[in-house]
Structure formats: structure tokens, C-alpha cells
Amino acid sequence: MKVVFYQAKAGDGVRKKGMRRADTYFSTPEEAASEAISLKARLDNLYENQIQWDYEGQMTGDSKRLKILRGYLGGNRKSNPFYLEILSSELSKCNPASPIIQKKLTKQDQMVIDNVIKKFA
């Protein structure tokens, strides 16, 4: 029997490389969104809060590959964007992991999580 699992991924616009915890799948999109927000915090820490996140932008993609947030280094929209993405896949054998949950969420981050929940509902 196959079950749908979700995975959070962050894309680094400077290094052009994806970032995620290896072999971590989540049972709900809400858990994957909170994991994506924690990956966003890691990117912000890595680039010393120079990434300007576009909270007004729309989510793009379908339910298999949904980009939930884009950011630009120094606000330069001509540069390669950073992004947060939720991937969904059907797996037969998988143990869901517990997400890394931020202790403090901004209103915009909570809004992103709420929008993800609405999108997958």
C-alpha cells in the first residue's frame, strides 16, 4: 500500500544547490512547511540575513512540486532566486520523521504555513 509523504527542500540561489535533511519524509504538508521554514532560517543565518523573502509572491507548481516562497540576495531580482519547496511522493515503506520547528515564527512565516495547509486541503 502506497502512502503520500512530503519533503521540504530549500534551493540556494548562489551555490545553485538544493538543501534538505537526508531521507526525511513527513506525513502532513504542515510538518513539511515548518521544516521548510527552519531551512529558511538556516539560509538566513548562512547569508547573514541578506536574503529578502518575497512573501507577496504566489506559490507556483502543482501538488507534487510546490514552491512556497522565493527570496533574493540583497533584493536583486535579476539574481538566481532562493526558494522553499515542498515535494510530495508516494512511498510504500517509510517512517515519517519529526520536523524541526522554529521557536519563534514571524507573522509572514505563519502565513506561508497557513497557505500551504489551504493549498493541500
C-alpha atoms as a PDB file:
ATOM      1  CA  MET A   1       0.000   0.000   0.000  1.00  0.00           C
ATOM      2  CA  LYS A   2       1.421   3.365  -1.018  1.00  0.00           C
ATOM      3  CA  VAL A   3       1.041   6.451   1.132  1.00  0.00           C
ATOM      4  CA  VAL A   4       1.735  10.087   0.242  1.00  0.00           C
ATOM      5  CA  PHE A   5       4.674  11.621   2.093  1.00  0.00           C
ATOM      6  CA  TYR A   6       6.005  15.172   1.935  1.00  0.00           C
ATOM      7  CA  GLN A   7       9.541  16.505   1.944  1.00  0.00           C
ATOM      8  CA  ALA A   8      10.873  20.039   2.441  1.00  0.00           C
ATOM      9  CA  LYS A   9      13.626  21.422   0.237  1.00  0.00           C
ATOM     10  CA  ALA A  10      15.420  24.753   0.036  1.00  0.00           C
ATOM     11  CA  GLY A  11      17.255  25.982  -3.036  1.00  0.00           C
ATOM     12  CA  ASP A  12      20.397  28.067  -2.685  1.00  0.00           C
ATOM     13  CA  GLY A  13      20.472  30.714  -5.411  1.00  0.00           C
ATOM     14  CA  VAL A  14      24.185  31.479  -5.050  1.00  0.00           C
ATOM     15  CA  ARG A  15      25.552  27.945  -4.895  1.00  0.00           C
ATOM     16  CA  LYS A  16      22.796  26.641  -7.194  1.00  0.00           C
ATOM     17  CA  LYS A  17      22.339  23.664  -4.940  1.00  0.00           C
ATOM     18  CA  GLY A  18      19.406  22.139  -3.080  1.00  0.00           C
ATOM     19  CA  MET A  19      19.374  21.694   0.671  1.00  0.00           C
ATOM     20  CA  ARG A  20      17.292  19.245   2.708  1.00  0.00           C
ATOM     21  CA  ARG A  21      17.662  16.748   5.502  1.00  0.00           C
ATOM     22  CA  ALA A  22      18.558  13.397   4.010  1.00  0.00           C
ATOM     23  CA  ASP A  23      15.817  10.763   3.950  1.00  0.00           C
ATOM     24  CA  THR A  24      13.301  12.785   5.939  1.00  0.00           C
ATOM     25  CA  TYR A  25       9.687  12.467   4.944  1.00  0.00           C
ATOM     26  CA  PHE A  26       6.691  13.919   6.727  1.00  0.00           C
ATOM     27  CA  SER A  27       3.137  12.677   6.934  1.00  0.00           C
ATOM     28  CA  THR A  28       1.444  16.089   6.589  1.00  0.00           C
ATOM     29  CA  PRO A  29       2.179  19.157   4.454  1.00  0.00           C
ATOM     30  CA  GLU A  30       2.079  21.288   7.618  1.00  0.00           C
ATOM     31  CA  GLU A  31       5.087  19.405   9.012  1.00  0.00           C
ATOM     32  CA  ALA A  32       6.925  19.817   5.705  1.00  0.00           C
ATOM     33  CA  ALA A  33       6.152  23.555   5.690  1.00  0.00           C
ATOM     34  CA  SER A  34       7.518  24.020   9.209  1.00  0.00           C
ATOM     35  CA  GLU A  35      10.647  22.101   8.161  1.00  0.00           C
ATOM     36  CA  ALA A  36      10.951  24.411   5.127  1.00  0.00           C
ATOM     37  CA  ILE A  37      10.746  27.456   7.417  1.00  0.00           C
ATOM     38  CA  SER A  38      13.580  26.013   9.511  1.00  0.00           C
ATOM     39  CA  LEU A  39      15.629  25.560   6.320  1.00  0.00           C
ATOM     40  CA  LYS A  40      14.862  29.215   5.549  1.00  0.00           C
ATOM     41  CA  ALA A  41      16.293  30.164   8.943  1.00  0.00           C
ATOM     42  CA  ARG A  42      19.457  28.200   8.133  1.00  0.00           C
ATOM     43  CA  LEU A  43      19.800  30.065   4.824  1.00  0.00           C
ATOM     44  CA  ASP A  44      19.237  33.395   6.583  1.00  0.00           C
ATOM     45  CA  ASN A  45      21.924  32.506   9.099  1.00  0.00           C
ATOM     46  CA  LEU A  46      24.328  31.399   6.359  1.00  0.00           C
ATOM     47  CA  TYR A  47      23.908  34.631   4.373  1.00  0.00           C
ATOM     48  CA  GLU A  48      23.696  36.909   7.448  1.00  0.00           C
ATOM     49  CA  ASN A  49      20.054  37.916   6.822  1.00  0.00           C
ATOM     50  CA  GLN A  50      20.848  39.423   3.405  1.00  0.00           C
ATOM     51  CA  ILE A  51      18.079  37.436   1.672  1.00  0.00           C
ATOM     52  CA  GLN A  52      14.890  39.389   1.099  1.00  0.00           C
ATOM     53  CA  TRP A  53      11.989  36.939   1.003  1.00  0.00           C
ATOM     54  CA  ASP A  54       9.044  37.697  -1.282  1.00  0.00           C
ATOM     55  CA  TYR A  55       6.049  36.963   0.943  1.00  0.00           C
ATOM     56  CA  GLU A  56       3.692  38.640  -1.529  1.00  0.00           C
ATOM     57  CA  GLY A  57       4.569  36.240  -4.367  1.00  0.00           C
ATOM     58  CA  GLN A  58       2.320  33.365  -5.282  1.00  0.00           C
ATOM     59  CA  MET A  59       3.017  29.703  -4.735  1.00  0.00           C
ATOM     60  CA  THR A  60       3.913  28.037  -8.018  1.00  0.00           C
ATOM     61  CA  GLY A  61       3.808  24.448  -9.155  1.00  0.00           C
ATOM     62  CA  ASP A  62       1.477  21.569  -8.526  1.00  0.00           C
ATOM     63  CA  SER A  63       0.937  19.288  -5.552  1.00  0.00           C
ATOM     64  CA  LYS A  64       3.946  17.137  -6.471  1.00  0.00           C
ATOM     65  CA  ARG A  65       6.386  20.051  -6.507  1.00  0.00           C
ATOM     66  CA  LEU A  66       5.144  23.251  -4.873  1.00  0.00           C
ATOM     67  CA  LYS A  67       7.437  26.270  -4.493  1.00  0.00           C
ATOM     68  CA  ILE A  68       6.083  28.110  -1.489  1.00  0.00           C
ATOM     69  CA  LEU A  69       8.474  31.053  -1.087  1.00  0.00           C
ATOM     70  CA  ARG A  70      11.171  32.844  -3.085  1.00  0.00           C
ATOM     71  CA  GLY A  71      13.959  35.080  -1.869  1.00  0.00           C
ATOM     72  CA  TYR A  72      16.618  37.238  -3.471  1.00  0.00           C
ATOM     73  CA  LEU A  73      20.075  38.072  -2.146  1.00  0.00           C
ATOM     74  CA  GLY A  74      20.138  41.785  -1.414  1.00  0.00           C
ATOM     75  CA  GLY A  75      16.733  42.146  -3.063  1.00  0.00           C
ATOM     76  CA  ASN A  76      18.265  41.791  -6.552  1.00  0.00           C
ATOM     77  CA  ARG A  77      15.501  40.139  -8.589  1.00  0.00           C
ATOM     78  CA  LYS A  78      17.851  39.592 -11.537  1.00  0.00           C
ATOM     79  CA  SER A  79      19.946  37.160  -9.497  1.00  0.00           C
ATOM     80  CA  ASN A  80      19.171  33.463  -9.114  1.00  0.00           C
ATOM     81  CA  PRO A  81      16.407  33.123  -6.520  1.00  0.00           C
ATOM     82  CA  PHE A  82      16.471  31.178  -3.297  1.00  0.00           C
ATOM     83  CA  TYR A  83      13.345  29.101  -2.820  1.00  0.00           C
ATOM     84  CA  LEU A  84      11.476  26.875  -0.404  1.00  0.00           C
ATOM     85  CA  GLU A  85       9.745  23.883  -1.919  1.00  0.00           C
ATOM     86  CA  ILE A  86       7.538  21.020  -0.775  1.00  0.00           C
ATOM     87  CA  LEU A  87       7.824  17.755  -2.676  1.00  0.00           C
ATOM     88  CA  SER A  88       5.231  15.011  -2.406  1.00  0.00           C
ATOM     89  CA  SER A  89       5.739  11.408  -3.378  1.00  0.00           C
ATOM     90  CA  GLU A  90       4.045   8.067  -2.908  1.00  0.00           C
ATOM     91  CA  LEU A  91       6.133   5.586  -0.966  1.00  0.00           C
ATOM     92  CA  SER A  92       5.333   2.134   0.273  1.00  0.00           C
ATOM     93  CA  LYS A  93       7.803   1.873   3.143  1.00  0.00           C
ATOM     94  CA  CYS A  94       8.777   4.961   5.055  1.00  0.00           C
ATOM     95  CA  ASN A  95       8.952   6.088   8.646  1.00  0.00           C
ATOM     96  CA  PRO A  96       7.912   9.734   8.930  1.00  0.00           C
ATOM     97  CA  ALA A  97      10.344  11.991  10.757  1.00  0.00           C
ATOM     98  CA  SER A  98       9.518  14.760  13.169  1.00  0.00           C
ATOM     99  CA  PRO A  99      10.110  18.233  11.733  1.00  0.00           C
ATOM    100  CA  ILE A 100      12.417  20.878  13.119  1.00  0.00           C
ATOM    101  CA  ILE A 101      10.057  23.511  14.463  1.00  0.00           C
ATOM    102  CA  GLN A 102      11.175  27.110  14.915  1.00  0.00           C
ATOM    103  CA  LYS A 103      10.676  28.514  18.398  1.00  0.00           C
ATOM    104  CA  LYS A 104       9.753  31.930  17.038  1.00  0.00           C
ATOM    105  CA  LEU A 105       7.724  32.366  13.867  1.00  0.00           C
ATOM    106  CA  THR A 106       7.080  35.693  12.210  1.00  0.00           C
ATOM    107  CA  LYS A 107       3.591  36.552  11.034  1.00  0.00           C
ATOM    108  CA  GLN A 108       4.722  36.127   7.429  1.00  0.00           C
ATOM    109  CA  ASP A 109       6.164  32.666   8.105  1.00  0.00           C
ATOM    110  CA  GLN A 110       2.948  31.584   9.821  1.00  0.00           C
ATOM    111  CA  MET A 111       1.011  32.950   6.845  1.00  0.00           C
ATOM    112  CA  VAL A 112       3.128  30.798   4.492  1.00  0.00           C
ATOM    113  CA  ILE A 113       2.419  27.688   6.578  1.00  0.00           C
ATOM    114  CA  ASP A 114      -1.316  28.501   6.600  1.00  0.00           C
ATOM    115  CA  ASN A 115      -1.314  28.966   2.811  1.00  0.00           C
ATOM    116  CA  VAL A 116       0.371  25.579   2.358  1.00  0.00           C
ATOM    117  CA  ILE A 117      -2.277  23.925   4.525  1.00  0.00           C
ATOM    118  CA  LYS A 118      -5.024  25.554   2.432  1.00  0.00           C
ATOM    119  CA  LYS A 119      -3.351  24.509  -0.818  1.00  0.00           C
ATOM    120  CA  PHE A 120      -3.167  20.831   0.161  1.00  0.00           C
ATOM    121  CA  ALA A 121      -6.599  20.724   1.830  1.00  0.00           C
END
